[in-house]
Protein backbone atom coordinates (compact mmCIF):
# COMPACT_ATOMS: atom_id res chain seq x y z
CA MET A 1 12.60 14.78 -20.09
CA VAL A 2 15.06 12.46 -19.08
CA PRO A 3 16.92 10.60 -21.93
CA VAL A 4 16.36 6.99 -22.46
CA PRO A 5 17.50 4.36 -24.80
CA GLY A 6 14.77 3.14 -27.04
CA ASN A 7 11.05 3.58 -26.45
CA PRO A 8 10.13 3.20 -22.73
CA VAL A 9 6.80 1.70 -23.40
CA SER A 10 6.81 -0.25 -26.49
CA GLY A 11 7.96 -2.97 -24.84
CA VAL A 12 11.61 -3.01 -24.13
CA PRO A 13 12.02 -4.55 -20.75
CA ALA A 14 13.65 -3.02 -17.33
CA SER A 15 16.80 -4.52 -16.40
CA GLY A 16 18.78 -6.13 -13.71
CA LEU A 17 16.24 -8.57 -12.20
CA PRO A 18 14.89 -10.50 -15.68
CA ASP A 19 13.16 -12.97 -13.97
CA CYS A 20 10.42 -9.99 -13.32
CA HIS A 21 9.84 -8.63 -16.33
CA SER A 22 7.33 -9.72 -19.65
CA THR A 23 8.25 -12.34 -21.93
CA GLN A 24 6.43 -13.26 -25.02
CA MET A 25 3.63 -15.17 -23.79
CA GLN A 26 3.20 -18.23 -26.69
CA THR A 27 0.07 -16.95 -28.27
CA GLY A 28 2.06 -14.20 -29.50
CA THR A 29 0.17 -11.25 -27.53
CA PRO A 30 2.95 -9.66 -25.65
CA PRO A 31 1.66 -9.10 -21.89
CA PRO A 32 2.05 -6.08 -19.75
CA MET A 33 5.76 -4.82 -18.93
CA LEU A 34 7.20 -3.58 -15.54
CA TYR A 35 9.45 -1.18 -14.90
CA SER A 36 12.41 -1.89 -11.91
CA PRO A 37 15.01 -0.15 -11.29
CA GLY A 38 18.24 -1.95 -12.79
CA THR A 39 21.14 -1.54 -15.84
CA LEU A 40 19.06 0.23 -18.05
CA PHE A 41 16.99 2.55 -16.11
CA SER A 42 17.46 3.89 -13.06
CA TRP A 43 15.44 4.54 -9.59
CA ALA A 44 15.65 7.94 -10.54
CA GLU A 45 14.79 8.06 -14.44
CA LEU A 46 11.65 5.77 -13.69
CA GLN A 47 10.79 8.62 -11.21
CA ALA A 48 11.78 11.37 -14.09
CA MET A 49 9.82 9.55 -16.21
CA ALA A 50 6.77 9.19 -14.36
CA ALA A 51 7.05 12.78 -13.90
CA ASP A 52 6.10 13.19 -17.14
CA GLY A 53 3.55 10.76 -18.18
CA VAL A 54 5.79 8.15 -20.06
CA LEU A 55 5.53 5.94 -16.90
CA THR A 56 2.71 5.00 -14.03
CA ARG A 57 3.94 4.51 -11.01
CA LEU A 58 2.41 0.63 -9.39
CA SER A 59 4.54 0.06 -6.94
CA GLN A 60 7.24 1.48 -4.28
CA ARG A 61 9.68 0.64 -7.14
CA GLY A 62 7.61 -0.75 -10.18
CA TYR A 63 6.20 1.51 -13.16
CA LEU A 64 4.08 0.56 -15.80
CA PRO A 65 3.23 1.97 -19.48
CA PRO A 66 0.22 4.54 -18.84
CA GLY A 67 -3.20 3.10 -19.67
CA THR A 68 -2.14 -0.14 -18.19
CA ALA A 69 -4.52 -1.85 -15.62
CA SER A 70 -3.08 -3.34 -12.10
CA THR A 71 -3.97 -6.85 -12.15
CA PRO A 72 -3.19 -9.08 -9.20
CA GLN A 73 0.36 -10.61 -11.51
CA LEU A 74 1.70 -7.45 -12.16
CA ARG A 75 1.40 -6.32 -8.38
CA ALA A 76 3.35 -9.99 -7.44
CA ARG A 77 5.90 -9.42 -10.15
CA ALA A 78 6.24 -5.99 -8.44
CA ALA A 79 6.10 -7.41 -5.01
CA ALA A 80 8.99 -10.01 -6.42
CA CYS A 81 11.01 -7.42 -8.09
CA THR A 82 11.99 -5.70 -4.52
CA ILE A 83 12.83 -9.47 -2.97
CA PRO A 84 16.95 -10.45 -3.53
CA PRO A 85 16.83 -13.80 -6.15
CA PRO A 86 18.95 -15.95 -4.22
CA ILE A 87 15.86 -16.14 -1.80
CA ARG A 88 12.87 -15.66 -3.73
CA GLN A 89 12.42 -19.21 -4.19
CA ARG A 90 12.44 -19.75 -0.34
CA VAL A 91 9.30 -17.34 0.65
CA VAL A 92 5.63 -16.21 0.08
CA ALA A 93 4.24 -12.90 -0.24
CA GLY A 94 1.96 -13.01 3.04
CA ARG A 95 -0.72 -10.73 5.16
CA MET A 96 -0.90 -6.97 4.27
CA THR A 97 1.61 -7.85 1.41
CA ALA A 98 -1.20 -10.49 -0.40
CA ALA A 99 -3.88 -8.20 0.07
CA TRP A 100 -2.25 -5.63 -1.44
CA ILE A 101 -1.25 -8.28 -4.65
CA TYR A 102 -4.96 -9.08 -4.19
CA GLY A 103 -5.98 -5.46 -4.76
CA CYS A 104 -7.65 -5.53 -0.95
CA ALA A 105 -5.00 -3.01 0.34
CA GLY A 106 -2.90 -0.45 -0.32
CA GLU A 107 0.59 -1.54 -0.75
CA PRO A 108 2.62 -1.99 2.90
CA ASP A 109 5.53 -0.09 3.59
CA ARG A 110 7.07 -3.31 4.10
CA ILE A 111 7.01 -6.61 2.18
CA ALA A 112 5.78 -8.94 4.70
CA LEU A 113 7.33 -12.38 3.76
CA LEU A 114 5.84 -16.14 5.37
CA VAL A 115 8.24 -18.67 5.84
CA ASP A 116 7.70 -22.61 6.38
CA ALA A 117 8.94 -23.37 9.35
CA SER A 118 10.67 -26.83 7.78
CA ARG A 119 12.96 -24.05 6.31
CA ARG A 120 15.89 -22.07 7.84
CA VAL A 121 15.62 -18.10 8.30
CA SER A 122 17.94 -16.71 10.27
CA SER A 123 19.76 -16.71 7.19
CA LEU A 124 17.16 -14.37 5.61
CA ARG A 125 16.44 -11.62 8.46
CA ALA A 126 19.08 -9.02 6.80
CA THR A 127 17.22 -8.37 3.98
CA ARG A 128 16.29 -4.93 3.59
CA GLY A 129 12.49 -3.36 3.27
CA CYS A 130 10.82 -7.21 4.36
CA SER A 131 9.79 -8.84 7.33
CA PHE A 132 9.79 -12.42 8.24
CA HIS A 133 7.37 -14.59 9.41
CA GLU A 134 7.99 -18.49 10.49
CA VAL A 135 5.14 -20.24 9.73
CA ARG A 136 3.47 -23.45 9.26
CA LEU A 137 2.29 -23.62 5.67
CA GLY A 138 0.12 -26.44 4.26
CA PRO A 139 -0.51 -27.77 0.41
CA PHE A 140 -3.69 -25.38 0.07
CA ASP A 141 -2.07 -22.14 1.68
CA VAL A 142 0.26 -21.22 -1.26
CA VAL A 143 -0.57 -19.76 -5.07
CA SER A 144 1.62 -18.92 -7.37
CA LEU A 145 0.93 -15.50 -9.37
CA GLY A 146 3.35 -13.58 -11.54
CA GLY A 147 5.89 -15.28 -10.77
CA LEU A 148 5.86 -15.42 -7.29
CA MET A 149 4.36 -17.29 -4.31
CA VAL A 150 1.59 -15.85 -1.99
CA SER A 151 -0.39 -16.95 0.75
CA SER A 152 -3.84 -18.15 -0.49
CA PRO A 153 -7.22 -15.78 -0.08
CA LEU A 154 -8.57 -17.84 2.27
CA ARG A 155 -4.92 -17.71 4.31
CA THR A 156 -4.50 -14.32 4.03
CA ALA A 157 -7.29 -13.34 5.75
CA VAL A 158 -7.11 -15.96 8.46
CA ASP A 159 -3.29 -14.09 9.00
CA ILE A 160 -4.55 -10.50 8.92
CA ALA A 161 -7.29 -11.79 11.30
CA LEU A 162 -4.83 -13.28 13.61
CA HIS A 163 -1.77 -11.01 13.29
CA VAL A 164 -2.82 -7.46 12.01
CA ASP A 165 -4.27 -4.84 13.58
CA PRO A 166 -7.80 -3.39 13.90
CA ASP A 167 -7.10 -0.58 11.69
CA ARG A 168 -5.57 -2.20 9.28
CA ALA A 169 -7.49 -5.35 9.17
CA LEU A 170 -10.79 -4.63 9.34
CA PRO A 171 -10.51 -2.49 5.48
CA ALA A 172 -8.25 -5.72 4.27
CA LEU A 173 -10.85 -8.47 5.17
CA GLY A 174 -13.91 -6.55 4.06
CA ALA A 175 -12.35 -6.21 0.86
CA LEU A 176 -11.28 -9.86 0.59
CA LEU A 177 -15.18 -10.96 1.77
CA ALA A 178 -16.61 -8.33 -1.01
CA ALA A 179 -14.18 -9.98 -3.98
CA PRO A 180 -16.10 -13.11 -4.98
CA GLU A 181 -13.61 -14.09 -7.27
CA LEU A 182 -11.36 -14.71 -4.23
CA GLY A 183 -13.87 -17.28 -2.57
CA VAL A 184 -14.00 -16.37 0.95
CA PRO A 185 -16.53 -16.50 2.76
CA LEU A 186 -17.12 -15.09 6.41
CA ARG A 187 -18.29 -18.37 6.83
CA LEU A 188 -15.61 -20.07 6.79
CA LEU A 189 -13.16 -17.65 7.21
CA ILE A 190 -14.58 -18.03 10.81
CA ARG A 191 -14.23 -21.70 10.87
CA ALA A 192 -10.23 -21.30 9.65
CA VAL A 193 -9.88 -19.29 12.67
CA GLU A 194 -11.35 -20.85 14.99
CA ALA A 195 -9.52 -23.93 14.26
CA THR A 196 -6.38 -23.24 14.95
CA PRO A 197 -4.26 -23.91 17.64
CA ARG A 198 -4.88 -22.12 20.79
CA LEU A 199 -2.70 -18.68 19.98
CA PRO A 200 -3.22 -15.64 22.40
CA TYR A 201 -4.18 -13.71 19.69
CA LYS A 202 -7.02 -15.93 18.87
CA LYS A 203 -9.93 -14.51 20.49
CA ALA A 204 -9.03 -10.40 19.06
CA ALA A 205 -9.34 -12.49 15.53
CA LEU A 206 -12.71 -13.54 16.43
CA ASP A 207 -13.63 -10.46 17.78
CA LYS A 208 -12.87 -8.63 14.46
CA LEU A 209 -14.63 -11.63 12.40
CA ALA A 210 -17.56 -10.24 14.86
CA ALA A 211 -17.41 -6.65 14.04
CA LEU A 212 -17.50 -7.82 10.50
CA THR A 213 -20.60 -10.12 10.94
CA SER A 214 -22.21 -7.28 12.76
CA ARG A 215 -21.12 -4.48 10.29
CA GLN A 216 -22.43 -6.47 6.94
CA GLY A 217 -25.76 -6.82 9.05
CA ARG A 218 -25.86 -3.28 9.63
CA ASP A 219 -24.83 -2.86 5.84
CA ARG A 220 -27.81 -5.43 4.44
CA PRO A 221 -31.15 -4.25 3.09
CA GLN A 222 -33.95 -4.05 4.65
CA GLY A 223 -36.31 -5.71 3.68
């Protein structure tokens, strides 16, 4: 067991990224703690504590106390901890990263970040572990979760249909559509994709949605 200063599951926040970590809520009930590599614990120490059962792994660089349920807010905070603080307020987690945050896909190897076309993206490209996509974002395309801007469920589904290969896109889209709390019905998603400009991959996106429509028809109980 790696020596740990204090009790790692008693509410001692991880260091290094202070805005990624829990603070006392106004209700007086402390929110779940998220631990990431920093000045208090190194990555190796966190991995060792996870191996000993003191922490459980949430993401590539995020750990939780055992028994803590993963939520979109916690996954968003874990994603935020991988984004350098100077650019965190300039980007939006999107595509398969957003699908993971919503609990509809596994954690991707690289964080997919959307950058509004009104902002300069050239200065961000050197950031490791992230892919950047210059896009146009509307007022309803972004939500705030866990201190991170994330593409809305509908925008996430549209982007996945348009830009992600079918092997990864279809399971994620099926999960997004199957989560009623996300509010993405298939008919609305099809209309949203049809309303996009004439992109070279728009037909492929509609083909993916046609495959989902066919799959839903096969899965529907016969009367």
